[in-house]
């Protein structure tokens, strides 16, 4: 038994070409090869661009500016009143409803100072500011792909300041306009402005860069999409919507400190930037070309399986294909 093992171990196998005159097997073989070629050329090389080297580590900078006037309790509100934190951040809130508690002072409770309600026992609540629908958000986004040292901006350099001020983003008519109407953003996510203005919510503005650097700058443009980030909690009775608290402090003539406490319901906007840039490279091109040529050989393997197991005359084919030489 050991001798047979040693003999088998030191045998040599070589390929043998057998020409099979069969229309059916020949057609199957060519169809399989054609499908493999279509897959690699159409999907791998043209669609997935497997001949390129990719950089997904995008570096990004975002600047925002909100414009619009709203009305609450017969008072005009501007950006200084309803945008928090101050203008310019990639994450910001538009305050739509406020619950105000005035004249809170600090008293003693077991020698520890704690805030106590002052003259206003019942907090005052403002009406939701539904005028947020007509506010606009200007987004200035610059990105850099460090692997290729390529920088881009989210609106073309040939776009004039007049065109920027007069345009409004639309996915078809004006896809490169950097000014977004809040009502359009909410409509695209299927949200009701009155509900969001009352309870608050979180909206995501996604900027996706898909850049083919083998072509000119026109093939490196941002694509915008919008989503409600707190959707899983929109129907939850606990922690529903979005709100936060802040205070403004004052000092009376007698030196006593007091504050006005605000509970703000707001629509929070999170701007998220992703990117993928590709450029021709020899190494991935060679690797995928070799993979394509190797995969074409699968047609031969499948045809052998058919001939050896499912075709009439399989025994004759086995005898011709496998021959032992002593």
Protein backbone atom coordinates (compact mmCIF):
# COMPACT_ATOMS: atom_id res chain seq x y z
CA UNK A 1 0.00 0.00 0.00
CA UNK A 2 2.87 2.34 0.77
CA UNK A 3 4.44 1.48 -2.55
CA UNK A 4 1.24 2.38 -4.43
CA UNK A 5 1.11 5.69 -2.60
CA UNK A 6 4.71 6.49 -3.51
CA UNK A 7 4.06 5.51 -7.14
CA UNK A 8 0.97 7.73 -7.36
CA UNK A 9 2.81 10.59 -5.68
CA UNK A 10 5.57 10.58 -8.27
CA UNK A 11 3.30 10.50 -11.31
CA UNK A 12 2.97 13.41 -13.72
CA UNK A 13 -0.21 14.68 -15.31
CA UNK A 14 -0.34 16.77 -18.45
CA UNK A 15 -3.28 18.32 -20.27
CA UNK A 16 -4.60 16.64 -23.36
CA UNK A 17 -6.59 18.40 -26.05
CA UNK A 18 -9.63 16.50 -27.28
CA UNK A 19 -11.63 17.97 -30.15
CA UNK A 20 -15.33 17.20 -29.72
CA UNK A 21 -17.50 17.62 -32.81
CA UNK A 22 -20.72 18.61 -31.04
CA UNK A 23 -22.89 21.59 -31.94
CA UNK A 24 -24.67 21.63 -28.59
CA UNK A 25 -21.49 21.56 -26.49
CA UNK A 26 -19.79 24.08 -28.78
CA UNK A 27 -22.70 26.51 -28.51
CA UNK A 28 -22.76 26.17 -24.70
CA UNK A 29 -19.02 26.79 -24.57
CA UNK A 30 -19.22 29.98 -26.66
CA UNK A 31 -22.24 31.30 -24.74
CA UNK A 32 -20.43 30.84 -21.43
CA UNK A 33 -17.33 32.58 -22.77
CA UNK A 34 -19.44 35.43 -24.18
CA UNK A 35 -21.22 35.93 -20.84
CA UNK A 36 -17.90 36.04 -18.99
CA UNK A 37 -16.51 38.61 -21.44
CA UNK A 38 -19.66 40.75 -21.18
CA UNK A 39 -19.48 40.60 -17.37
CA UNK A 40 -15.84 41.71 -17.18
CA UNK A 41 -16.03 44.33 -19.93
CA UNK A 42 -19.47 45.74 -19.13
CA UNK A 43 -19.66 45.45 -15.34
CA UNK A 44 -16.12 45.10 -13.96
CA UNK A 45 -14.28 47.50 -16.29
CA UNK A 46 -16.92 49.98 -17.51
CA UNK A 47 -19.37 50.13 -14.57
CA UNK A 48 -17.12 49.36 -11.58
CA UNK A 49 -14.08 50.94 -13.29
CA UNK A 50 -11.79 48.21 -12.02
CA UNK A 51 -8.92 49.71 -14.02
CA UNK A 52 -8.74 52.62 -11.57
CA UNK A 53 -7.08 53.19 -8.22
CA UNK A 54 -9.61 54.56 -5.71
CA UNK A 55 -9.42 57.06 -2.87
CA UNK A 56 -12.29 57.12 -0.37
CA UNK A 57 -10.51 59.12 2.36
CA UNK A 58 -12.06 62.42 1.38
CA UNK A 59 -11.18 65.55 3.38
CA UNK A 60 -14.06 68.00 3.62
CA UNK A 61 -14.92 71.51 4.78
CA UNK A 62 -18.52 72.77 5.10
CA UNK A 63 -19.80 76.31 5.61
CA UNK A 64 -23.52 77.11 5.87
CA UNK A 65 -25.67 80.22 5.98
CA UNK A 66 -29.40 80.35 6.68
CA UNK A 67 -31.63 83.15 5.41
CA UNK A 68 -35.26 83.98 6.01
CA UNK A 69 -37.67 85.85 8.28
CA UNK A 70 -40.21 84.13 10.49
CA UNK A 71 -43.04 85.31 12.71
CA UNK A 72 -43.74 84.11 16.25
CA UNK A 73 -46.21 85.76 18.61
CA UNK A 74 -46.45 88.77 16.28
CA UNK A 75 -42.69 89.26 16.39
CA UNK A 76 -40.32 89.11 13.45
CA UNK A 77 -37.55 86.51 13.86
CA UNK A 78 -34.27 86.57 11.95
CA UNK A 79 -31.26 84.27 11.88
CA UNK A 80 -29.86 85.71 15.12
CA UNK A 81 -33.04 84.52 16.86
CA UNK A 82 -33.62 81.06 15.44
CA UNK A 83 -30.26 79.65 14.22
CA UNK A 84 -28.24 77.80 16.86
CA UNK A 85 -25.26 77.56 17.10
CA UNK A 86 -24.19 80.69 15.17
CA UNK A 87 -23.94 80.62 11.39
CA UNK A 88 -21.24 78.68 9.59
CA UNK A 89 -21.30 75.19 11.11
CA UNK A 90 -21.97 71.92 9.28
CA UNK A 91 -24.37 70.95 12.07
CA UNK A 92 -26.93 73.57 13.07
CA UNK A 93 -30.49 73.96 14.34
CA UNK A 94 -33.39 76.13 13.23
CA UNK A 95 -35.45 76.83 16.34
CA UNK A 96 -39.16 76.58 15.58
CA UNK A 97 -40.79 76.67 19.04
CA UNK A 98 -39.63 77.91 22.44
CA UNK A 99 -40.90 77.34 25.97
CA UNK A 100 -39.69 80.23 28.15
CA UNK A 101 -39.36 80.32 31.93
CA UNK A 102 -38.48 83.82 33.16
CA UNK A 103 -36.85 85.17 36.31
CA UNK A 104 -35.27 82.01 37.70
CA UNK A 105 -33.07 82.72 40.72
CA UNK A 106 -30.90 80.54 42.92
CA UNK A 107 -32.03 79.62 46.41
CA UNK A 108 -30.59 77.52 49.24
CA UNK A 109 -31.60 73.91 49.78
CA UNK A 110 -29.50 72.19 52.48
CA UNK A 111 -26.74 74.74 51.84
CA UNK A 112 -26.61 73.87 48.11
CA UNK A 113 -27.67 76.54 45.62
CA UNK A 114 -30.24 75.27 43.12
CA UNK A 115 -32.32 77.11 40.51
CA UNK A 116 -35.88 77.87 41.58
CA UNK A 117 -38.77 79.22 39.51
CA UNK A 118 -39.24 82.93 39.85
CA UNK A 119 -42.20 85.14 39.17
CA UNK A 120 -43.44 83.09 36.20
CA UNK A 121 -44.62 79.75 37.54
CA UNK A 122 -46.10 78.46 34.29
CA UNK A 123 -43.64 78.64 31.36
CA UNK A 124 -44.72 80.63 28.32
CA UNK A 125 -44.91 78.65 25.08
CA UNK A 126 -44.64 80.17 21.62
CA UNK A 127 -46.54 79.00 18.56
CA UNK A 128 -44.61 76.80 16.08
CA UNK A 129 -42.88 78.83 13.39
CA UNK A 130 -44.12 77.20 10.18
CA UNK A 131 -42.47 79.97 8.13
CA UNK A 132 -39.38 77.75 8.27
CA UNK A 133 -40.75 76.27 5.04
CA UNK A 134 -39.54 79.31 3.10
CA UNK A 135 -36.10 79.63 4.70
CA UNK A 136 -33.07 78.90 2.54
CA UNK A 137 -29.80 77.17 3.38
CA UNK A 138 -26.63 78.07 1.51
CA UNK A 139 -24.00 75.29 1.58
CA UNK A 140 -20.39 75.85 0.60
CA UNK A 141 -18.51 72.54 0.49
CA UNK A 142 -14.91 71.98 -0.56
CA UNK A 143 -13.30 68.53 -0.68
CA UNK A 144 -9.84 67.10 -1.25
CA UNK A 145 -8.70 63.62 -2.24
CA UNK A 146 -5.23 63.35 -0.64
CA UNK A 147 -4.11 60.33 -2.69
CA UNK A 148 -4.36 62.33 -5.92
CA UNK A 149 -4.00 65.83 -4.38
CA UNK A 150 -7.21 66.94 -6.11
CA UNK A 151 -9.55 69.61 -4.70
CA UNK A 152 -13.10 70.43 -5.80
CA UNK A 153 -15.95 72.77 -4.79
CA UNK A 154 -19.68 72.10 -4.81
CA UNK A 155 -20.52 74.71 -7.45
CA UNK A 156 -18.76 75.35 -10.76
CA UNK A 157 -16.19 78.12 -10.97
CA UNK A 158 -17.97 79.61 -13.99
CA UNK A 159 -21.14 80.16 -11.92
CA UNK A 160 -21.41 83.88 -11.13
CA UNK A 161 -22.51 85.36 -7.82
CA UNK A 162 -25.70 86.61 -9.50
CA UNK A 163 -26.55 83.10 -10.66
CA UNK A 164 -25.89 81.67 -7.21
CA UNK A 165 -28.11 84.24 -5.47
CA UNK A 166 -31.01 83.70 -7.88
CA UNK A 167 -30.94 79.89 -8.18
CA UNK A 168 -32.69 77.27 -6.08
CA UNK A 169 -31.65 73.62 -5.91
CA UNK A 170 -33.66 71.15 -7.97
CA UNK A 171 -32.43 67.59 -8.67
CA UNK A 172 -33.15 67.92 -12.42
CA UNK A 173 -33.38 71.60 -13.36
CA UNK A 174 -30.62 72.95 -11.11
CA UNK A 175 -28.61 70.09 -9.54
CA UNK A 176 -25.51 72.23 -8.84
CA UNK A 177 -27.21 75.15 -7.11
CA UNK A 178 -25.87 75.42 -3.53
CA UNK A 179 -29.02 77.09 -2.14
CA UNK A 180 -31.69 74.79 -0.70
CA UNK A 181 -35.23 75.71 0.31
CA UNK A 182 -36.10 74.09 3.65
CA UNK A 183 -39.60 73.21 2.44
CA UNK A 184 -38.16 71.30 -0.54
CA UNK A 185 -35.83 69.37 1.77
CA UNK A 186 -38.68 68.39 4.08
CA UNK A 187 -40.92 67.43 1.16
CA UNK A 188 -38.24 65.15 -0.29
CA UNK A 189 -38.09 63.27 3.03
CA UNK A 190 -41.90 63.05 3.25
CA UNK A 191 -42.12 65.08 6.46
CA UNK A 192 -44.88 67.43 7.61
CA UNK A 193 -43.54 70.88 8.40
CA UNK A 194 -46.11 71.57 11.15
CA UNK A 195 -45.20 68.36 13.00
CA UNK A 196 -41.48 69.08 12.76
CA UNK A 197 -41.96 72.71 13.81
CA UNK A 198 -43.92 71.54 16.87
CA UNK A 199 -41.80 68.64 18.09
CA UNK A 200 -38.52 69.13 16.25
CA UNK A 201 -36.54 66.54 14.32
CA UNK A 202 -33.21 65.68 12.72
CA UNK A 203 -32.66 65.99 8.97
CA UNK A 204 -29.58 64.70 7.16
CA UNK A 205 -28.20 66.45 4.07
CA UNK A 206 -25.94 63.98 2.28
CA UNK A 207 -23.32 65.23 -0.20
CA UNK A 208 -21.84 62.37 -2.19
CA UNK A 209 -18.86 62.95 -4.49
CA UNK A 210 -18.27 60.35 -7.23
CA UNK A 211 -15.28 61.52 -9.25
CA UNK A 212 -13.74 60.03 -12.37
CA UNK A 213 -10.40 61.83 -12.50
CA UNK A 214 -9.53 60.40 -15.92
CA UNK A 215 -11.88 63.03 -17.35
CA UNK A 216 -12.31 66.76 -16.79
CA UNK A 217 -13.87 68.49 -13.80
CA UNK A 218 -17.40 68.00 -15.17
CA UNK A 219 -17.12 64.35 -14.14
CA UNK A 220 -16.56 65.29 -10.49
CA UNK A 221 -19.81 66.72 -9.19
CA UNK A 222 -21.67 66.42 -5.89
CA UNK A 223 -24.97 64.59 -5.60
CA UNK A 224 -27.39 65.64 -2.86
CA UNK A 225 -29.88 63.52 -0.98
CA UNK A 226 -31.97 64.10 2.14
CA UNK A 227 -33.22 61.85 4.90
CA UNK A 228 -34.79 62.08 8.36
CA UNK A 229 -32.21 60.77 10.79
CA UNK A 230 -34.51 60.33 13.79
CA UNK A 231 -37.17 58.41 11.82
CA UNK A 232 -36.96 55.33 14.14
CA UNK A 233 -38.13 57.53 17.05
CA UNK A 234 -40.76 59.61 15.21
CA UNK A 235 -43.58 57.40 16.51
CA UNK A 236 -42.06 56.80 19.93
CA UNK A 237 -43.73 58.41 22.94
CA UNK A 238 -40.35 58.69 24.71
CA UNK A 239 -37.73 61.16 23.45
CA UNK A 240 -39.81 62.16 20.47
CA UNK A 241 -38.60 64.93 18.18
CA UNK A 242 -35.60 67.12 18.99
CA UNK A 243 -35.16 69.75 21.69
CA UNK A 244 -32.50 71.30 23.87
CA UNK A 245 -32.22 73.87 26.66
CA UNK A 246 -30.16 77.00 27.06
CA UNK A 247 -30.25 80.02 29.37
CA UNK A 248 -29.55 83.74 29.37
CA UNK A 249 -28.25 85.25 32.59
CA UNK A 250 -28.88 88.71 34.01
CA UNK A 251 -28.03 90.66 37.17
CA UNK A 252 -30.47 92.79 39.15
CA UNK A 253 -29.63 96.15 40.73
CA UNK A 254 -29.12 94.50 44.11
CA UNK A 255 -26.52 92.17 42.62
CA UNK A 256 -28.76 89.07 42.57
CA UNK A 257 -28.31 86.84 39.51
CA UNK A 258 -31.31 85.50 37.64
CA UNK A 259 -31.87 83.81 34.32
CA UNK A 260 -34.39 83.11 31.59
CA UNK A 261 -34.54 79.41 30.69
CA UNK A 262 -35.42 78.36 27.14
CA UNK A 263 -36.54 74.92 26.04
CA UNK A 264 -36.17 75.02 22.27
CA UNK A 265 -37.77 72.62 19.81
CA UNK A 266 -35.76 72.73 16.61
CA UNK A 267 -35.09 71.12 13.27
CA UNK A 268 -31.49 69.97 13.38
CA UNK A 269 -29.58 69.69 10.10
CA UNK A 270 -26.55 67.40 9.82
CA UNK A 271 -24.46 67.79 6.66
CA UNK A 272 -22.60 64.57 5.86
CA UNK A 273 -19.98 64.37 3.09
CA UNK A 274 -18.74 61.17 1.46
CA UNK A 275 -16.45 60.76 -1.54
CA UNK A 276 -14.90 58.27 -3.91
CA UNK A 277 -12.36 59.26 -6.58
CA UNK A 278 -10.85 56.95 -9.17
CA UNK A 279 -7.95 57.30 -11.59
CA UNK A 280 -6.35 54.91 -14.07
CA UNK A 281 -3.62 52.71 -12.62
CA UNK A 282 -1.60 49.93 -14.26
CA UNK A 283 -1.66 47.48 -11.33
CA UNK A 284 -5.46 47.03 -10.94
CA UNK A 285 -5.80 46.97 -14.75
CA UNK A 286 -3.37 44.05 -15.05
CA UNK A 287 -4.88 42.18 -12.10
CA UNK A 288 -8.42 42.36 -13.47
CA UNK A 289 -7.30 41.57 -17.03
CA UNK A 290 -5.59 38.37 -15.83
CA UNK A 291 -8.71 37.51 -13.80
CA UNK A 292 -10.86 37.96 -16.90
CA UNK A 293 -8.64 35.74 -19.07
CA UNK A 294 -8.52 33.09 -16.36
CA UNK A 295 -12.29 33.13 -15.93
CA UNK A 296 -12.83 32.43 -19.62
CA UNK A 297 -11.44 28.95 -18.88
CA UNK A 298 -14.54 28.24 -16.79
CA UNK A 299 -16.34 27.50 -20.05
CA UNK A 300 -14.07 24.51 -20.60
CA UNK A 301 -14.67 23.21 -17.07
CA UNK A 302 -18.46 23.41 -17.42
CA UNK A 303 -18.41 21.78 -20.84
CA UNK A 304 -16.27 18.92 -19.47
CA UNK A 305 -18.84 18.35 -16.72
CA UNK A 306 -21.61 18.20 -19.32
CA UNK A 307 -19.67 15.82 -21.57
CA UNK A 308 -18.57 13.52 -18.77
CA UNK A 309 -21.93 13.20 -17.04
CA UNK A 310 -24.89 14.23 -19.19
CA UNK A 311 -24.07 13.64 -22.87
CA UNK A 312 -24.59 10.51 -24.92
CA UNK A 313 -21.25 8.81 -25.46
CA UNK A 314 -19.78 10.00 -22.14
CA UNK A 315 -17.76 6.79 -21.74
CA UNK A 316 -16.14 7.30 -25.13
CA UNK A 317 -15.21 10.87 -24.19
CA UNK A 318 -13.70 9.68 -20.89
CA UNK A 319 -11.59 7.14 -22.73
CA UNK A 320 -10.26 9.78 -25.09
CA UNK A 321 -9.68 12.43 -22.42
CA UNK A 322 -8.04 10.30 -19.73
CA UNK A 323 -5.28 8.04 -20.97
CA UNK A 324 -2.70 6.32 -18.82
CA UNK A 325 0.84 6.02 -20.18
CA UNK A 326 3.24 3.57 -18.44
